[in-house]
Amino acid sequence: LTQVTLNKGIPFEIKIPNDETKVVMQDILADKNI
């Protein structure tokens, strides 16, 4: 919380995964293509 205050936001990069990454993440959760 101190870092949030000092940085005026989340103190690390947060990205929305692209479509390809989303598919890979779904495959991993379904134990497919591993």
ModelCIF file with pLDDT and N, C-alpha, C, O atoms, coordinates in Angstrom:
data_MODEL
#
_entry.id   MODEL 
#
_entity.id                         1 
_entity.type                       polymer 
_entity.pdbx_number_of_molecules   1 
#
_entity_poly.entity_id                      1 
_entity_poly.type                           'polypeptide(L)' 
_entity_poly.nstd_linkage                   no 
_entity_poly.nstd_monomer                   no 
_entity_poly.pdbx_seq_one_letter_code       LTQVTLNKGIPFEIKIPNDETKVVMQDILADKNI 
_entity_poly.pdbx_seq_one_letter_code_can   LTQVTLNKGIPFEIKIPNDETKVVMQDILADKNI 
_entity_poly.pdbx_strand_id                 A 
#
loop_
_entity_poly_seq.entity_id 
_entity_poly_seq.num 
_entity_poly_seq.mon_id 
_entity_poly_seq.hetero 
1 1  LEU n 
1 2  THR n 
1 3  GLN n 
1 4  VAL n 
1 5  THR n 
1 6  LEU n 
1 7  ASN n 
1 8  LYS n 
1 9  GLY n 
1 10 ILE n 
1 11 PRO n 
1 12 PHE n 
1 13 GLU n 
1 14 ILE n 
1 15 LYS n 
1 16 ILE n 
1 17 PRO n 
1 18 ASN n 
1 19 ASP n 
1 20 GLU n 
1 21 THR n 
1 22 LYS n 
1 23 VAL n 
1 24 VAL n 
1 25 MET n 
1 26 GLN n 
1 27 ASP n 
1 28 ILE n 
1 29 LEU n 
1 30 ALA n 
1 31 ASP n 
1 32 LYS n 
1 33 ASN n 
1 34 ILE n 
#
_struct_asym.id          A 
_struct_asym.entity_id   1 
#
loop_
_ma_qa_metric.id 
_ma_qa_metric.mode 
_ma_qa_metric.name 
_ma_qa_metric.software_group_id 
_ma_qa_metric.type 
1 global pLDDT . pLDDT 
2 local  pLDDT . pLDDT 
#
_ma_qa_metric_global.metric_id      1 
_ma_qa_metric_global.metric_value   89.62 
_ma_qa_metric_global.model_id       1 
_ma_qa_metric_global.ordinal_id     1 
#
loop_
_ma_qa_metric_local.label_asym_id 
_ma_qa_metric_local.label_comp_id 
_ma_qa_metric_local.label_seq_id 
_ma_qa_metric_local.metric_id 
_ma_qa_metric_local.metric_value 
_ma_qa_metric_local.model_id 
_ma_qa_metric_local.ordinal_id 
A LEU 1  2 96.00 1 1  
A THR 2  2 96.00 1 2  
A GLN 3  2 97.00 1 3  
A VAL 4  2 97.00 1 4  
A THR 5  2 97.00 1 5  
A LEU 6  2 97.00 1 6  
A ASN 7  2 95.00 1 7  
A LYS 8  2 96.00 1 8  
A GLY 9  2 96.00 1 9  
A ILE 10 2 94.00 1 10 
A PRO 11 2 94.00 1 11 
A PHE 12 2 92.00 1 12 
A GLU 13 2 90.00 1 13 
A ILE 14 2 88.00 1 14 
A LYS 15 2 86.00 1 15 
A ILE 16 2 87.00 1 16 
A PRO 17 2 87.00 1 17 
A ASN 18 2 92.00 1 18 
A ASP 19 2 91.00 1 19 
A GLU 20 2 91.00 1 20 
A THR 21 2 89.00 1 21 
A LYS 22 2 90.00 1 22 
A VAL 23 2 90.00 1 23 
A VAL 24 2 87.00 1 24 
A MET 25 2 86.00 1 25 
A GLN 26 2 90.00 1 26 
A ASP 27 2 86.00 1 27 
A ILE 28 2 84.00 1 28 
A LEU 29 2 85.00 1 29 
A ALA 30 2 87.00 1 30 
A ASP 31 2 82.00 1 31 
A LYS 32 2 82.00 1 32 
A ASN 33 2 76.00 1 33 
A ILE 34 2 74.00 1 34 
#
loop_
_atom_site.group_PDB 
_atom_site.id 
_atom_site.type_symbol 
_atom_site.label_atom_id 
_atom_site.label_alt_id 
_atom_site.label_comp_id 
_atom_site.label_asym_id 
_atom_site.label_entity_id 
_atom_site.label_seq_id 
_atom_site.pdbx_PDB_ins_code 
_atom_site.Cartn_x 
_atom_site.Cartn_y 
_atom_site.Cartn_z 
_atom_site.occupancy 
_atom_site.B_iso_or_equiv 
_atom_site.pdbx_formal_charge 
_atom_site.auth_seq_id 
_atom_site.auth_comp_id 
_atom_site.auth_asym_id 
_atom_site.auth_atom_id 
_atom_site.pdbx_PDB_model_num 
ATOM 1   N N  . LEU A 1 1  ? 0.816  -1.208  0.000   1.00 96.00 ? 1  LEU A N  1 
ATOM 2   C CA . LEU A 1 1  ? 0.000  0.000   0.000   1.00 96.00 ? 1  LEU A CA 1 
ATOM 3   C C  . LEU A 1 1  ? 0.856  1.268   0.000   1.00 96.00 ? 1  LEU A C  1 
ATOM 4   O O  . LEU A 1 1  ? 0.477  2.276   -0.597  1.00 96.00 ? 1  LEU A O  1 
ATOM 5   N N  . THR A 1 2  ? 2.006  1.217   0.667   1.00 96.00 ? 2  THR A N  1 
ATOM 6   C CA . THR A 1 2  ? 2.932  2.361   0.633   1.00 96.00 ? 2  THR A CA 1 
ATOM 7   C C  . THR A 1 2  ? 3.427  2.596   -0.793  1.00 96.00 ? 2  THR A C  1 
ATOM 8   O O  . THR A 1 2  ? 3.502  3.737   -1.250  1.00 96.00 ? 2  THR A O  1 
ATOM 9   N N  . GLN A 1 3  ? 3.764  1.512   -1.493  1.00 97.00 ? 3  GLN A N  1 
ATOM 10  C CA . GLN A 1 3  ? 4.221  1.640   -2.877  1.00 97.00 ? 3  GLN A CA 1 
ATOM 11  C C  . GLN A 1 3  ? 3.102  2.147   -3.783  1.00 97.00 ? 3  GLN A C  1 
ATOM 12  O O  . GLN A 1 3  ? 3.362  2.932   -4.695  1.00 97.00 ? 3  GLN A O  1 
ATOM 13  N N  . VAL A 1 4  ? 1.868  1.716   -3.552  1.00 97.00 ? 4  VAL A N  1 
ATOM 14  C CA . VAL A 1 4  ? 0.724  2.231   -4.319  1.00 97.00 ? 4  VAL A CA 1 
ATOM 15  C C  . VAL A 1 4  ? 0.631  3.738   -4.128  1.00 97.00 ? 4  VAL A C  1 
ATOM 16  O O  . VAL A 1 4  ? 0.437  4.482   -5.089  1.00 97.00 ? 4  VAL A O  1 
ATOM 17  N N  . THR A 1 5  ? 0.770  4.182   -2.886  1.00 97.00 ? 5  THR A N  1 
ATOM 18  C CA . THR A 1 5  ? 0.695  5.610   -2.580  1.00 97.00 ? 5  THR A CA 1 
ATOM 19  C C  . THR A 1 5  ? 1.836  6.377   -3.242  1.00 97.00 ? 5  THR A C  1 
ATOM 20  O O  . THR A 1 5  ? 1.607  7.423   -3.851  1.00 97.00 ? 5  THR A O  1 
ATOM 21  N N  . LEU A 1 6  ? 3.052  5.870   -3.130  1.00 97.00 ? 6  LEU A N  1 
ATOM 22  C CA . LEU A 1 6  ? 4.213  6.549   -3.713  1.00 97.00 ? 6  LEU A CA 1 
ATOM 23  C C  . LEU A 1 6  ? 4.157  6.591   -5.235  1.00 97.00 ? 6  LEU A C  1 
ATOM 24  O O  . LEU A 1 6  ? 4.544  7.585   -5.848  1.00 97.00 ? 6  LEU A O  1 
ATOM 25  N N  . ASN A 1 7  ? 3.671  5.501   -5.847  1.00 95.00 ? 7  ASN A N  1 
ATOM 26  C CA . ASN A 1 7  ? 3.605  5.408   -7.309  1.00 95.00 ? 7  ASN A CA 1 
ATOM 27  C C  . ASN A 1 7  ? 2.317  5.975   -7.896  1.00 95.00 ? 7  ASN A C  1 
ATOM 28  O O  . ASN A 1 7  ? 2.178  6.113   -9.112  1.00 95.00 ? 7  ASN A O  1 
ATOM 29  N N  . LYS A 1 8  ? 1.390  6.295   -7.020  1.00 96.00 ? 8  LYS A N  1 
ATOM 30  C CA . LYS A 1 8  ? 0.067  6.775   -7.460  1.00 96.00 ? 8  LYS A CA 1 
ATOM 31  C C  . LYS A 1 8  ? -0.600 5.745   -8.387  1.00 96.00 ? 8  LYS A C  1 
ATOM 32  O O  . LYS A 1 8  ? -1.249 6.107   -9.368  1.00 96.00 ? 8  LYS A O  1 
ATOM 33  N N  . GLY A 1 9  ? -0.429 4.481   -8.062  1.00 96.00 ? 9  GLY A N  1 
ATOM 34  C CA . GLY A 1 9  ? -1.005 3.393   -8.841  1.00 96.00 ? 9  GLY A CA 1 
ATOM 35  C C  . GLY A 1 9  ? -0.386 2.070   -8.423  1.00 96.00 ? 9  GLY A C  1 
ATOM 36  O O  . GLY A 1 9  ? 0.408  2.014   -7.484  1.00 96.00 ? 9  GLY A O  1 
ATOM 37  N N  . ILE A 1 10 ? -0.753 1.011   -9.125  1.00 94.00 ? 10 ILE A N  1 
ATOM 38  C CA . ILE A 1 10 ? -0.193 -0.314  -8.848  1.00 94.00 ? 10 ILE A CA 1 
ATOM 39  C C  . ILE A 1 10 ? 1.314  -0.258  -9.133  1.00 94.00 ? 10 ILE A C  1 
ATOM 40  O O  . ILE A 1 10 ? 1.719  0.234   -10.186 1.00 94.00 ? 10 ILE A O  1 
ATOM 41  N N  . PRO A 1 11 ? 2.142  -0.750  -8.219  1.00 94.00 ? 11 PRO A N  1 
ATOM 42  C CA . PRO A 1 11 ? 3.597  -0.594  -8.370  1.00 94.00 ? 11 PRO A CA 1 
ATOM 43  C C  . PRO A 1 11 ? 4.270  -1.630  -9.280  1.00 94.00 ? 11 PRO A C  1 
ATOM 44  O O  . PRO A 1 11 ? 5.477  -1.854  -9.182  1.00 94.00 ? 11 PRO A O  1 
ATOM 45  N N  . PHE A 1 12 ? 3.502  -2.248  -10.146 1.00 92.00 ? 12 PHE A N  1 
ATOM 46  C CA . PHE A 1 12 ? 4.057  -3.154  -11.140 1.00 92.00 ? 12 PHE A CA 1 
ATOM 47  C C  . PHE A 1 12 ? 3.142  -3.127  -12.346 1.00 92.00 ? 12 PHE A C  1 
ATOM 48  O O  . PHE A 1 12 ? 1.986  -2.713  -12.258 1.00 92.00 ? 12 PHE A O  1 
ATOM 49  N N  . GLU A 1 13 ? 3.671  -3.575  -13.473 1.00 90.00 ? 13 GLU A N  1 
ATOM 50  C CA . GLU A 1 13 ? 2.915  -3.536  -14.713 1.00 90.00 ? 13 GLU A CA 1 
ATOM 51  C C  . GLU A 1 13 ? 1.843  -4.627  -14.743 1.00 90.00 ? 13 GLU A C  1 
ATOM 52  O O  . GLU A 1 13 ? 2.104  -5.785  -14.416 1.00 90.00 ? 13 GLU A O  1 
ATOM 53  N N  . ILE A 1 14 ? 0.654  -4.239  -15.133 1.00 88.00 ? 14 ILE A N  1 
ATOM 54  C CA . ILE A 1 14 ? -0.448 -5.179  -15.294 1.00 88.00 ? 14 ILE A CA 1 
ATOM 55  C C  . ILE A 1 14 ? -0.917 -5.071  -16.729 1.00 88.00 ? 14 ILE A C  1 
ATOM 56  O O  . ILE A 1 14 ? -1.221 -3.981  -17.212 1.00 88.00 ? 14 ILE A O  1 
ATOM 57  N N  . LYS A 1 15 ? -0.975 -6.206  -17.411 1.00 86.00 ? 15 LYS A N  1 
ATOM 58  C CA . LYS A 1 15 ? -1.381 -6.212  -18.811 1.00 86.00 ? 15 LYS A CA 1 
ATOM 59  C C  . LYS A 1 15 ? -2.576 -7.126  -19.006 1.00 86.00 ? 15 LYS A C  1 
ATOM 60  O O  . LYS A 1 15 ? -2.727 -8.129  -18.308 1.00 86.00 ? 15 LYS A O  1 
ATOM 61  N N  . ILE A 1 16 ? -3.415 -6.773  -19.953 1.00 87.00 ? 16 ILE A N  1 
ATOM 62  C CA . ILE A 1 16 ? -4.506 -7.645  -20.362 1.00 87.00 ? 16 ILE A CA 1 
ATOM 63  C C  . ILE A 1 16 ? -3.936 -8.602  -21.406 1.00 87.00 ? 16 ILE A C  1 
ATOM 64  O O  . ILE A 1 16 ? -3.383 -8.147  -22.407 1.00 87.00 ? 16 ILE A O  1 
ATOM 65  N N  . PRO A 1 17 ? -4.054 -9.910  -21.199 1.00 87.00 ? 17 PRO A N  1 
ATOM 66  C CA . PRO A 1 17 ? -3.466 -10.850 -22.155 1.00 87.00 ? 17 PRO A CA 1 
ATOM 67  C C  . PRO A 1 17 ? -4.135 -10.750 -23.529 1.00 87.00 ? 17 PRO A C  1 
ATOM 68  O O  . PRO A 1 17 ? -5.337 -10.512 -23.644 1.00 87.00 ? 17 PRO A O  1 
ATOM 69  N N  . ASN A 1 18 ? -3.301 -10.943 -24.577 1.00 92.00 ? 18 ASN A N  1 
ATOM 70  C CA . ASN A 1 18 ? -3.858 -10.949 -25.932 1.00 92.00 ? 18 ASN A CA 1 
ATOM 71  C C  . ASN A 1 18 ? -4.586 -12.274 -26.171 1.00 92.00 ? 18 ASN A C  1 
ATOM 72  O O  . ASN A 1 18 ? -4.527 -13.180 -25.340 1.00 92.00 ? 18 ASN A O  1 
ATOM 73  N N  . ASP A 1 19 ? -5.272 -12.378 -27.311 1.00 91.00 ? 19 ASP A N  1 
ATOM 74  C CA . ASP A 1 19 ? -6.094 -13.559 -27.584 1.00 91.00 ? 19 ASP A CA 1 
ATOM 75  C C  . ASP A 1 19 ? -5.281 -14.852 -27.575 1.00 91.00 ? 19 ASP A C  1 
ATOM 76  O O  . ASP A 1 19 ? -5.743 -15.873 -27.066 1.00 91.00 ? 19 ASP A O  1 
ATOM 77  N N  . GLU A 1 20 ? -4.076 -14.812 -28.135 1.00 91.00 ? 20 GLU A N  1 
ATOM 78  C CA . GLU A 1 20 ? -3.234 -16.020 -28.174 1.00 91.00 ? 20 GLU A CA 1 
ATOM 79  C C  . GLU A 1 20 ? -2.868 -16.465 -26.763 1.00 91.00 ? 20 GLU A C  1 
ATOM 80  O O  . GLU A 1 20 ? -2.918 -17.654 -26.448 1.00 91.00 ? 20 GLU A O  1 
ATOM 81  N N  . THR A 1 21 ? -2.503 -15.517 -25.923 1.00 89.00 ? 21 THR A N  1 
ATOM 82  C CA . THR A 1 21 ? -2.153 -15.841 -24.546 1.00 89.00 ? 21 THR A CA 1 
ATOM 83  C C  . THR A 1 21 ? -3.355 -16.403 -23.794 1.00 89.00 ? 21 THR A C  1 
ATOM 84  O O  . THR A 1 21 ? -3.213 -17.336 -23.003 1.00 89.00 ? 21 THR A O  1 
ATOM 85  N N  . LYS A 1 22 ? -4.536 -15.840 -24.037 1.00 90.00 ? 22 LYS A N  1 
ATOM 86  C CA . LYS A 1 22 ? -5.753 -16.336 -23.387 1.00 90.00 ? 22 LYS A CA 1 
ATOM 87  C C  . LYS A 1 22 ? -6.006 -17.796 -23.749 1.00 90.00 ? 22 LYS A C  1 
ATOM 88  O O  . LYS A 1 22 ? -6.386 -18.589 -22.887 1.00 90.00 ? 22 LYS A O  1 
ATOM 89  N N  . VAL A 1 23 ? -5.800 -18.160 -25.020 1.00 90.00 ? 23 VAL A N  1 
ATOM 90  C CA . VAL A 1 23 ? -6.004 -19.543 -25.459 1.00 90.00 ? 23 VAL A CA 1 
ATOM 91  C C  . VAL A 1 23 ? -5.013 -20.467 -24.754 1.00 90.00 ? 23 VAL A C  1 
ATOM 92  O O  . VAL A 1 23 ? -5.383 -21.543 -24.284 1.00 90.00 ? 23 VAL A O  1 
ATOM 93  N N  . VAL A 1 24 ? -3.762 -20.043 -24.684 1.00 87.00 ? 24 VAL A N  1 
ATOM 94  C CA . VAL A 1 24 ? -2.736 -20.852 -24.020 1.00 87.00 ? 24 VAL A CA 1 
ATOM 95  C C  . VAL A 1 24 ? -3.074 -21.028 -22.545 1.00 87.00 ? 24 VAL A C  1 
ATOM 96  O O  . VAL A 1 24 ? -2.937 -22.125 -22.003 1.00 87.00 ? 24 VAL A O  1 
ATOM 97  N N  . MET A 1 25 ? -3.512 -19.958 -21.894 1.00 86.00 ? 25 MET A N  1 
ATOM 98  C CA . MET A 1 25 ? -3.879 -20.046 -20.483 1.00 86.00 ? 25 MET A CA 1 
ATOM 99  C C  . MET A 1 25 ? -5.054 -20.995 -20.276 1.00 86.00 ? 25 MET A C  1 
ATOM 100 O O  . MET A 1 25 ? -5.067 -21.764 -19.315 1.00 86.00 ? 25 MET A O  1 
ATOM 101 N N  . GLN A 1 26 ? -6.028 -20.948 -21.160 1.00 90.00 ? 26 GLN A N  1 
ATOM 102 C CA . GLN A 1 26 ? -7.171 -21.864 -21.064 1.00 90.00 ? 26 GLN A CA 1 
ATOM 103 C C  . GLN A 1 26 ? -6.718 -23.306 -21.268 1.00 90.00 ? 26 GLN A C  1 
ATOM 104 O O  . GLN A 1 26 ? -7.187 -24.207 -20.572 1.00 90.00 ? 26 GLN A O  1 
ATOM 105 N N  . ASP A 1 27 ? -5.808 -23.531 -22.219 1.00 86.00 ? 27 ASP A N  1 
ATOM 106 C CA . ASP A 1 27 ? -5.275 -24.875 -22.448 1.00 86.00 ? 27 ASP A CA 1 
ATOM 107 C C  . ASP A 1 27 ? -4.562 -25.402 -21.205 1.00 86.00 ? 27 ASP A C  1 
ATOM 108 O O  . ASP A 1 27 ? -4.732 -26.561 -20.828 1.00 86.00 ? 27 ASP A O  1 
ATOM 109 N N  . ILE A 1 28 ? -3.767 -24.549 -20.577 1.00 84.00 ? 28 ILE A N  1 
ATOM 110 C CA . ILE A 1 28 ? -3.033 -24.968 -19.379 1.00 84.00 ? 28 ILE A CA 1 
ATOM 111 C C  . ILE A 1 28 ? -4.013 -25.350 -18.274 1.00 84.00 ? 28 ILE A C  1 
ATOM 112 O O  . ILE A 1 28 ? -3.845 -26.381 -17.622 1.00 84.00 ? 28 ILE A O  1 
ATOM 113 N N  . LEU A 1 29 ? -5.029 -24.527 -18.064 1.00 85.00 ? 29 LEU A N  1 
ATOM 114 C CA . LEU A 1 29 ? -6.014 -24.834 -17.028 1.00 85.00 ? 29 LEU A CA 1 
ATOM 115 C C  . LEU A 1 29 ? -6.769 -26.123 -17.324 1.00 85.00 ? 29 LEU A C  1 
ATOM 116 O O  . LEU A 1 29 ? -7.201 -26.819 -16.405 1.00 85.00 ? 29 LEU A O  1 
ATOM 117 N N  . ALA A 1 30 ? -6.931 -26.446 -18.623 1.00 87.00 ? 30 ALA A N  1 
ATOM 118 C CA . ALA A 1 30 ? -7.631 -27.676 -19.024 1.00 87.00 ? 30 ALA A CA 1 
ATOM 119 C C  . ALA A 1 30 ? -6.657 -28.846 -19.192 1.00 87.00 ? 30 ALA A C  1 
ATOM 120 O O  . ALA A 1 30 ? -7.055 -29.938 -19.598 1.00 87.00 ? 30 ALA A O  1 
ATOM 121 N N  . ASP A 1 31 ? -5.360 -28.608 -18.872 1.00 82.00 ? 31 ASP A N  1 
ATOM 122 C CA . ASP A 1 31 ? -4.312 -29.627 -19.007 1.00 82.00 ? 31 ASP A CA 1 
ATOM 123 C C  . ASP A 1 31 ? -4.218 -30.144 -20.444 1.00 82.00 ? 31 ASP A C  1 
ATOM 124 O O  . ASP A 1 31 ? -4.032 -31.339 -20.670 1.00 82.00 ? 31 ASP A O  1 
ATOM 125 N N  . LYS A 1 32 ? -4.348 -29.231 -21.414 1.00 82.00 ? 32 LYS A N  1 
ATOM 126 C CA . LYS A 1 32 ? -4.253 -29.579 -22.831 1.00 82.00 ? 32 LYS A CA 1 
ATOM 127 C C  . LYS A 1 32 ? -2.985 -28.967 -23.427 1.00 82.00 ? 32 LYS A C  1 
ATOM 128 O O  . LYS A 1 32 ? -2.500 -27.933 -22.967 1.00 82.00 ? 32 LYS A O  1 
ATOM 129 N N  . ASN A 1 33 ? -2.461 -29.632 -24.463 1.00 76.00 ? 33 ASN A N  1 
ATOM 130 C CA . ASN A 1 33 ? -1.316 -29.123 -25.213 1.00 76.00 ? 33 ASN A CA 1 
ATOM 131 C C  . ASN A 1 33 ? -0.116 -28.793 -24.323 1.00 76.00 ? 33 ASN A C  1 
ATOM 132 O O  . ASN A 1 33 ? 0.586  -27.806 -24.547 1.00 76.00 ? 33 ASN A O  1 
ATOM 133 N N  . ILE A 1 34 ? 0.103  -29.624 -23.324 1.00 74.00 ? 34 ILE A N  1 
ATOM 134 C CA . ILE A 1 34 ? 1.214  -29.415 -22.406 1.00 74.00 ? 34 ILE A CA 1 
ATOM 135 C C  . ILE A 1 34 ? 2.194  -30.570 -22.549 1.00 74.00 ? 34 ILE A C  1 
ATOM 136 O O  . ILE A 1 34 ? 3.216  -30.600 -21.863 1.00 74.00 ? 34 ILE A O  1 
#
